[in-house]
Amino acid sequence: MAELKLARLPDRTPVKLSISIMPDLHQALIDYAALYAETYGIQEQVSDLIPAMLAGFIESDRGFLRTRGRSS
């Protein structure tokens, strides 16, 4: 088998996740989506913004990243 510089791509199959949130968080997400549309001129669904918001949160949590780095 040939040796390639590009490693095998990881699994990119989306995982569907269903959650329940409180009404005040739901309203905050709606308000955020409205401000996003006002800022960027592109209307996005809350459900499309949430994955990016969660990824940004996880990527900025230094304590989590340090701990995760030790276990990986």
PDB file of N, CA and C in Angstrom:
ATOM      1  N   MET A   1       0.840  -1.175   0.000  1.00  0.00           N
ATOM      2  CA  MET A   1       0.000   0.000   0.000  1.00  0.00           C
ATOM      3  C   MET A   1       0.887   1.241   0.000  1.00  0.00           C
ATOM      4  N   ALA A   2       0.479   2.255  -0.731  1.00  0.00           N
ATOM      5  CA  ALA A   2       1.243   3.499  -0.844  1.00  0.00           C
ATOM      6  C   ALA A   2       1.189   4.300   0.447  1.00  0.00           C
ATOM      7  N   GLU A   3       2.280   5.016   0.715  1.00  0.00           N
ATOM      8  CA  GLU A   3       2.290   5.928   1.854  1.00  0.00           C
ATOM      9  C   GLU A   3       1.933   7.316   1.355  1.00  0.00           C
ATOM     10  N   LEU A   4       0.911   7.891   1.915  1.00  0.00           N
ATOM     11  CA  LEU A   4       0.444   9.216   1.514  1.00  0.00           C
ATOM     12  C   LEU A   4       0.694  10.217   2.632  1.00  0.00           C
ATOM     13  N   LYS A   5       0.934  11.465   2.279  1.00  0.00           N
ATOM     14  CA  LYS A   5       1.083  12.512   3.294  1.00  0.00           C
ATOM     15  C   LYS A   5      -0.245  12.798   3.984  1.00  0.00           C
ATOM     16  N   LEU A   6      -1.327  12.682   3.238  1.00  0.00           N
ATOM     17  CA  LEU A   6      -2.652  12.924   3.801  1.00  0.00           C
ATOM     18  C   LEU A   6      -3.120  11.681   4.543  1.00  0.00           C
ATOM     19  N   ALA A   7      -3.381  11.854   5.829  1.00  0.00           N
ATOM     20  CA  ALA A   7      -3.882  10.728   6.624  1.00  0.00           C
ATOM     21  C   ALA A   7      -5.327  10.429   6.243  1.00  0.00           C
ATOM     22  N   ARG A   8      -5.777   9.245   6.619  1.00  0.00           N
ATOM     23  CA  ARG A   8      -7.159   8.883   6.365  1.00  0.00           C
ATOM     24  C   ARG A   8      -8.076   9.891   7.063  1.00  0.00           C
ATOM     25  N   LEU A   9      -9.085  10.352   6.351  1.00  0.00           N
ATOM     26  CA  LEU A   9     -10.011  11.337   6.911  1.00  0.00           C
ATOM     27  C   LEU A   9     -10.830  10.723   8.034  1.00  0.00           C
ATOM     28  N   PRO A  10     -11.114  11.510   9.078  1.00  0.00           N
ATOM     29  CA  PRO A  10     -11.923  10.998  10.195  1.00  0.00           C
ATOM     30  C   PRO A  10     -13.388  10.873   9.787  1.00  0.00           C
ATOM     31  N   ASP A  11     -14.151  10.172  10.596  1.00  0.00           N
ATOM     32  CA  ASP A  11     -15.588  10.024  10.368  1.00  0.00           C
ATOM     33  C   ASP A  11     -16.236  11.401  10.410  1.00  0.00           C
ATOM     34  N   ARG A  12     -16.939  11.757   9.353  1.00  0.00           N
ATOM     35  CA  ARG A  12     -17.594  13.063   9.267  1.00  0.00           C
ATOM     36  C   ARG A  12     -19.105  12.922   9.183  1.00  0.00           C
ATOM     37  N   THR A  13     -19.619  11.787   9.621  1.00  0.00           N
ATOM     38  CA  THR A  13     -21.054  11.556   9.596  1.00  0.00           C
ATOM     39  C   THR A  13     -21.704  12.393  10.704  1.00  0.00           C
ATOM     40  N   PRO A  14     -22.623  13.278  10.352  1.00  0.00           N
ATOM     41  CA  PRO A  14     -23.279  14.087  11.383  1.00  0.00           C
ATOM     42  C   PRO A  14     -24.063  13.210  12.365  1.00  0.00           C
ATOM     43  N   VAL A  15     -24.113  13.656  13.605  1.00  0.00           N
ATOM     44  CA  VAL A  15     -24.871  12.974  14.650  1.00  0.00           C
ATOM     45  C   VAL A  15     -26.025  13.886  15.042  1.00  0.00           C
ATOM     46  N   LYS A  16     -27.241  13.374  14.977  1.00  0.00           N
ATOM     47  CA  LYS A  16     -28.410  14.167  15.348  1.00  0.00           C
ATOM     48  C   LYS A  16     -28.586  14.068  16.866  1.00  0.00           C
ATOM     49  N   LEU A  17     -28.778  15.221  17.477  1.00  0.00           N
ATOM     50  CA  LEU A  17     -28.925  15.304  18.924  1.00  0.00           C
ATOM     51  C   LEU A  17     -30.170  16.120  19.229  1.00  0.00           C
ATOM     52  N   SER A  18     -30.996  15.622  20.103  1.00  0.00           N
ATOM     53  CA  SER A  18     -32.217  16.322  20.480  1.00  0.00           C
ATOM     54  C   SER A  18     -32.117  16.724  21.949  1.00  0.00           C
ATOM     55  N   ILE A  19     -32.388  18.010  22.241  1.00  0.00           N
ATOM     56  CA  ILE A  19     -32.329  18.496  23.620  1.00  0.00           C
ATOM     57  C   ILE A  19     -33.579  19.311  23.933  1.00  0.00           C
ATOM     58  N   SER A  20     -33.838  19.470  25.204  1.00  0.00           N
ATOM     59  CA  SER A  20     -34.896  20.361  25.671  1.00  0.00           C
ATOM     60  C   SER A  20     -34.232  21.529  26.385  1.00  0.00           C
ATOM     61  N   ILE A  21     -34.703  22.736  26.115  1.00  0.00           N
ATOM     62  CA  ILE A  21     -34.133  23.918  26.762  1.00  0.00           C
ATOM     63  C   ILE A  21     -35.263  24.731  27.398  1.00  0.00           C
ATOM     64  N   MET A  22     -34.876  25.580  28.316  1.00  0.00           N
ATOM     65  CA  MET A  22     -35.843  26.424  29.001  1.00  0.00           C
ATOM     66  C   MET A  22     -36.272  27.564  28.070  1.00  0.00           C
ATOM     67  N   PRO A  23     -37.482  28.094  28.294  1.00  0.00           N
ATOM     68  CA  PRO A  23     -37.991  29.163  27.425  1.00  0.00           C
ATOM     69  C   PRO A  23     -37.089  30.390  27.350  1.00  0.00           C
ATOM     70  N   ASP A  24     -36.438  30.754  28.450  1.00  0.00           N
ATOM     71  CA  ASP A  24     -35.582  31.946  28.413  1.00  0.00           C
ATOM     72  C   ASP A  24     -34.342  31.718  27.548  1.00  0.00           C
ATOM     73  N   LEU A  25     -33.788  30.517  27.549  1.00  0.00           N
ATOM     74  CA  LEU A  25     -32.657  30.219  26.672  1.00  0.00           C
ATOM     75  C   LEU A  25     -33.115  30.186  25.220  1.00  0.00           C
ATOM     76  N   HIS A  26     -34.291  29.653  24.973  1.00  0.00           N
ATOM     77  CA  HIS A  26     -34.832  29.627  23.608  1.00  0.00           C
ATOM     78  C   HIS A  26     -34.982  31.048  23.073  1.00  0.00           C
ATOM     79  N   GLN A  27     -35.501  31.936  23.897  1.00  0.00           N
ATOM     80  CA  GLN A  27     -35.670  33.329  23.468  1.00  0.00           C
ATOM     81  C   GLN A  27     -34.321  33.988  23.222  1.00  0.00           C
ATOM     82  N   ALA A  28     -33.342  33.694  24.086  1.00  0.00           N
ATOM     83  CA  ALA A  28     -32.009  34.258  23.899  1.00  0.00           C
ATOM     84  C   ALA A  28     -31.406  33.780  22.576  1.00  0.00           C
ATOM     85  N   LEU A  29     -31.626  32.528  22.219  1.00  0.00           N
ATOM     86  CA  LEU A  29     -31.114  32.002  20.951  1.00  0.00           C
ATOM     87  C   LEU A  29     -31.804  32.672  19.760  1.00  0.00           C
ATOM     88  N   ILE A  30     -33.103  32.904  19.878  1.00  0.00           N
ATOM     89  CA  ILE A  30     -33.838  33.614  18.824  1.00  0.00           C
ATOM     90  C   ILE A  30     -33.299  35.033  18.684  1.00  0.00           C
ATOM     91  N   ASP A  31     -33.071  35.697  19.820  1.00  0.00           N
ATOM     92  CA  ASP A  31     -32.520  37.055  19.802  1.00  0.00           C
ATOM     93  C   ASP A  31     -31.116  37.062  19.194  1.00  0.00           C
ATOM     94  N   TYR A  32     -30.319  36.051  19.511  1.00  0.00           N
ATOM     95  CA  TYR A  32     -28.965  35.967  18.965  1.00  0.00           C
ATOM     96  C   TYR A  32     -29.024  35.799  17.449  1.00  0.00           C
ATOM     97  N   ALA A  33     -29.915  34.934  16.977  1.00  0.00           N
ATOM     98  CA  ALA A  33     -30.060  34.717  15.532  1.00  0.00           C
ATOM     99  C   ALA A  33     -30.484  36.007  14.830  1.00  0.00           C
ATOM    100  N   ALA A  34     -31.339  36.791  15.479  1.00  0.00           N
ATOM    101  CA  ALA A  34     -31.761  38.066  14.899  1.00  0.00           C
ATOM    102  C   ALA A  34     -30.586  39.034  14.810  1.00  0.00           C
ATOM    103  N   LEU A  35     -29.781  39.106  15.861  1.00  0.00           N
ATOM    104  CA  LEU A  35     -28.610  39.983  15.851  1.00  0.00           C
ATOM    105  C   LEU A  35     -27.586  39.490  14.828  1.00  0.00           C
ATOM    106  N   TYR A  36     -27.435  38.190  14.691  1.00  0.00           N
ATOM    107  CA  TYR A  36     -26.545  37.611  13.680  1.00  0.00           C
ATOM    108  C   TYR A  36     -26.981  38.061  12.285  1.00  0.00           C
ATOM    109  N   ALA A  37     -28.286  37.978  12.020  1.00  0.00           N
ATOM    110  CA  ALA A  37     -28.817  38.387  10.709  1.00  0.00           C
ATOM    111  C   ALA A  37     -28.589  39.873  10.475  1.00  0.00           C
ATOM    112  N   GLU A  38     -28.784  40.673  11.513  1.00  0.00           N
ATOM    113  CA  GLU A  38     -28.572  42.117  11.401  1.00  0.00           C
ATOM    114  C   GLU A  38     -27.097  42.433  11.149  1.00  0.00           C
ATOM    115  N   THR A  39     -26.222  41.692  11.801  1.00  0.00           N
ATOM    116  CA  THR A  39     -24.785  41.930  11.692  1.00  0.00           C
ATOM    117  C   THR A  39     -24.221  41.486  10.348  1.00  0.00           C
ATOM    118  N   TYR A  40     -24.615  40.299   9.901  1.00  0.00           N
ATOM    119  CA  TYR A  40     -24.015  39.710   8.705  1.00  0.00           C
ATOM    120  C   TYR A  40     -24.903  39.765   7.462  1.00  0.00           C
ATOM    121  N   GLY A  41     -26.159  40.166   7.635  1.00  0.00           N
ATOM    122  CA  GLY A  41     -27.058  40.240   6.499  1.00  0.00           C
ATOM    123  C   GLY A  41     -27.492  38.890   5.964  1.00  0.00           C
ATOM    124  N   ILE A  42     -27.316  37.861   6.765  1.00  0.00           N
ATOM    125  CA  ILE A  42     -27.694  36.499   6.385  1.00  0.00           C
ATOM    126  C   ILE A  42     -28.516  35.910   7.522  1.00  0.00           C
ATOM    127  N   GLN A  43     -29.710  35.474   7.198  1.00  0.00           N
ATOM    128  CA  GLN A  43     -30.564  34.878   8.221  1.00  0.00           C
ATOM    129  C   GLN A  43     -30.266  33.387   8.324  1.00  0.00           C
ATOM    130  N   GLU A  44     -29.901  32.953   9.513  1.00  0.00           N
ATOM    131  CA  GLU A  44     -29.615  31.539   9.783  1.00  0.00           C
ATOM    132  C   GLU A  44     -30.590  31.036  10.837  1.00  0.00           C
ATOM    133  N   GLN A  45     -30.953  29.784  10.717  1.00  0.00           N
ATOM    134  CA  GLN A  45     -31.813  29.156  11.716  1.00  0.00           C
ATOM    135  C   GLN A  45     -31.016  28.953  13.003  1.00  0.00           C
ATOM    136  N   VAL A  46     -31.704  29.041  14.135  1.00  0.00           N
ATOM    137  CA  VAL A  46     -31.068  28.805  15.428  1.00  0.00           C
ATOM    138  C   VAL A  46     -30.385  27.439  15.416  1.00  0.00           C
ATOM    139  N   SER A  47     -31.051  26.443  14.852  1.00  0.00           N
ATOM    140  CA  SER A  47     -30.495  25.087  14.831  1.00  0.00           C
ATOM    141  C   SER A  47     -29.201  25.006  14.032  1.00  0.00           C
ATOM    142  N   ASP A  48     -28.969  25.936  13.105  1.00  0.00           N
ATOM    143  CA  ASP A  48     -27.721  25.964  12.350  1.00  0.00           C
ATOM    144  C   ASP A  48     -26.624  26.721  13.098  1.00  0.00           C
ATOM    145  N   LEU A  49     -27.010  27.637  13.977  1.00  0.00           N
ATOM    146  CA  LEU A  49     -26.031  28.396  14.754  1.00  0.00           C
ATOM    147  C   LEU A  49     -25.518  27.617  15.966  1.00  0.00           C
ATOM    148  N   ILE A  50     -26.355  26.793  16.559  1.00  0.00           N
ATOM    149  CA  ILE A  50     -26.001  26.101  17.801  1.00  0.00           C
ATOM    150  C   ILE A  50     -24.732  25.264  17.675  1.00  0.00           C
ATOM    151  N   PRO A  51     -24.540  24.442  16.622  1.00  0.00           N
ATOM    152  CA  PRO A  51     -23.293  23.668  16.554  1.00  0.00           C
ATOM    153  C   PRO A  51     -22.037  24.543  16.565  1.00  0.00           C
ATOM    154  N   ALA A  52     -22.068  25.669  15.863  1.00  0.00           N
ATOM    155  CA  ALA A  52     -20.911  26.569  15.859  1.00  0.00           C
ATOM    156  C   ALA A  52     -20.709  27.199  17.236  1.00  0.00           C
ATOM    157  N   MET A  53     -21.806  27.517  17.912  1.00  0.00           N
ATOM    158  CA  MET A  53     -21.712  28.101  19.245  1.00  0.00           C
ATOM    159  C   MET A  53     -21.103  27.091  20.224  1.00  0.00           C
ATOM    160  N   LEU A  54     -21.558  25.851  20.161  1.00  0.00           N
ATOM    161  CA  LEU A  54     -21.032  24.814  21.048  1.00  0.00           C
ATOM    162  C   LEU A  54     -19.559  24.539  20.757  1.00  0.00           C
ATOM    163  N   ALA A  55     -19.203  24.461  19.480  1.00  0.00           N
ATOM    164  CA  ALA A  55     -17.801  24.220  19.118  1.00  0.00           C
ATOM    165  C   ALA A  55     -16.921  25.348  19.638  1.00  0.00           C
ATOM    166  N   GLY A  56     -17.367  26.588  19.485  1.00  0.00           N
ATOM    167  CA  GLY A  56     -16.605  27.729  19.979  1.00  0.00           C
ATOM    168  C   GLY A  56     -16.431  27.688  21.484  1.00  0.00           C
ATOM    169  N   PHE A  57     -17.489  27.294  22.189  1.00  0.00           N
ATOM    170  CA  PHE A  57     -17.416  27.185  23.636  1.00  0.00           C
ATOM    171  C   PHE A  57     -16.398  26.121  24.051  1.00  0.00           C
ATOM    172  N   ILE A  58     -16.495  24.940  23.457  1.00  0.00           N
ATOM    173  CA  ILE A  58     -15.583  23.846  23.797  1.00  0.00           C
ATOM    174  C   ILE A  58     -14.137  24.226  23.477  1.00  0.00           C
ATOM    175  N   GLU A  59     -13.921  24.838  22.315  1.00  0.00           N
ATOM    176  CA  GLU A  59     -12.568  25.204  21.894  1.00  0.00           C
ATOM    177  C   GLU A  59     -11.955  26.294  22.765  1.00  0.00           C
ATOM    178  N   SER A  60     -12.784  27.047  23.490  1.00  0.00           N
ATOM    179  CA  SER A  60     -12.266  28.119  24.336  1.00  0.00           C
ATOM    180  C   SER A  60     -12.156  27.723  25.808  1.00  0.00           C
ATOM    181  N   ASP A  61     -12.559  26.516  26.153  1.00  0.00           N
ATOM    182  CA  ASP A  61     -12.508  26.057  27.544  1.00  0.00           C
ATOM    183  C   ASP A  61     -11.138  25.428  27.815  1.00  0.00           C
ATOM    184  N   ARG A  62     -10.217  26.218  28.315  1.00  0.00           N
ATOM    185  CA  ARG A  62      -8.839  25.759  28.518  1.00  0.00           C
ATOM    186  C   ARG A  62      -8.745  24.600  29.495  1.00  0.00           C
ATOM    187  N   GLY A  63      -9.543  24.638  30.554  1.00  0.00           N
ATOM    188  CA  GLY A  63      -9.529  23.544  31.527  1.00  0.00           C
ATOM    189  C   GLY A  63      -9.928  22.230  30.888  1.00  0.00           C
ATOM    190  N   PHE A  64     -10.959  22.261  30.086  1.00  0.00           N
ATOM    191  CA  PHE A  64     -11.404  21.058  29.381  1.00  0.00           C
ATOM    192  C   PHE A  64     -10.330  20.581  28.411  1.00  0.00           C
ATOM    193  N   LEU A  65      -9.754  21.510  27.650  1.00  0.00           N
ATOM    194  CA  LEU A  65      -8.741  21.123  26.666  1.00  0.00           C
ATOM    195  C   LEU A  65      -7.509  20.523  27.332  1.00  0.00           C
ATOM    196  N   ARG A  66      -7.096  21.082  28.483  1.00  0.00           N
ATOM    197  CA  ARG A  66      -5.954  20.514  29.214  1.00  0.00           C
ATOM    198  C   ARG A  66      -6.267  19.096  29.667  1.00  0.00           C
ATOM    199  N   THR A  67      -7.435  18.915  30.252  1.00  0.00           N
ATOM    200  CA  THR A  67      -7.824  17.595  30.742  1.00  0.00           C
ATOM    201  C   THR A  67      -7.977  16.611  29.591  1.00  0.00           C
ATOM    202  N   ARG A  68      -8.584  17.047  28.538  1.00  0.00           N
ATOM    203  CA  ARG A  68      -8.785  16.185  27.367  1.00  0.00           C
ATOM    204  C   ARG A  68      -7.454  15.795  26.744  1.00  0.00           C
ATOM    205  N   GLY A  69      -6.512  16.717  26.724  1.00  0.00           N
ATOM    206  CA  GLY A  69      -5.186  16.439  26.183  1.00  0.00           C
ATOM    207  C   GLY A  69      -4.451  15.358  26.952  1.00  0.00           C
ATOM    208  N   ARG A  70      -4.707  15.263  28.245  1.00  0.00           N
ATOM    209  CA  ARG A  70      -4.067  14.237  29.070  1.00  0.00           C
ATOM    210  C   ARG A  70      -4.652  12.865  28.801  1.00  0.00           C
ATOM    211  N   SER A  71      -5.959  12.816  28.447  1.00  0.00           N
ATOM    212  CA  SER A  71      -6.614  11.524  28.275  1.00  0.00           C
ATOM    213  C   SER A  71      -6.560  11.017  26.846  1.00  0.00           C
ATOM    214  N   SER A  72      -6.231  11.887  25.885  1.00  0.00           N
ATOM    215  CA  SER A  72      -6.215  11.470  24.483  1.00  0.00           C
ATOM    216  C   SER A  72      -4.878  10.896  24.092  1.00  0.00           C
TER     217      SER A  72
END
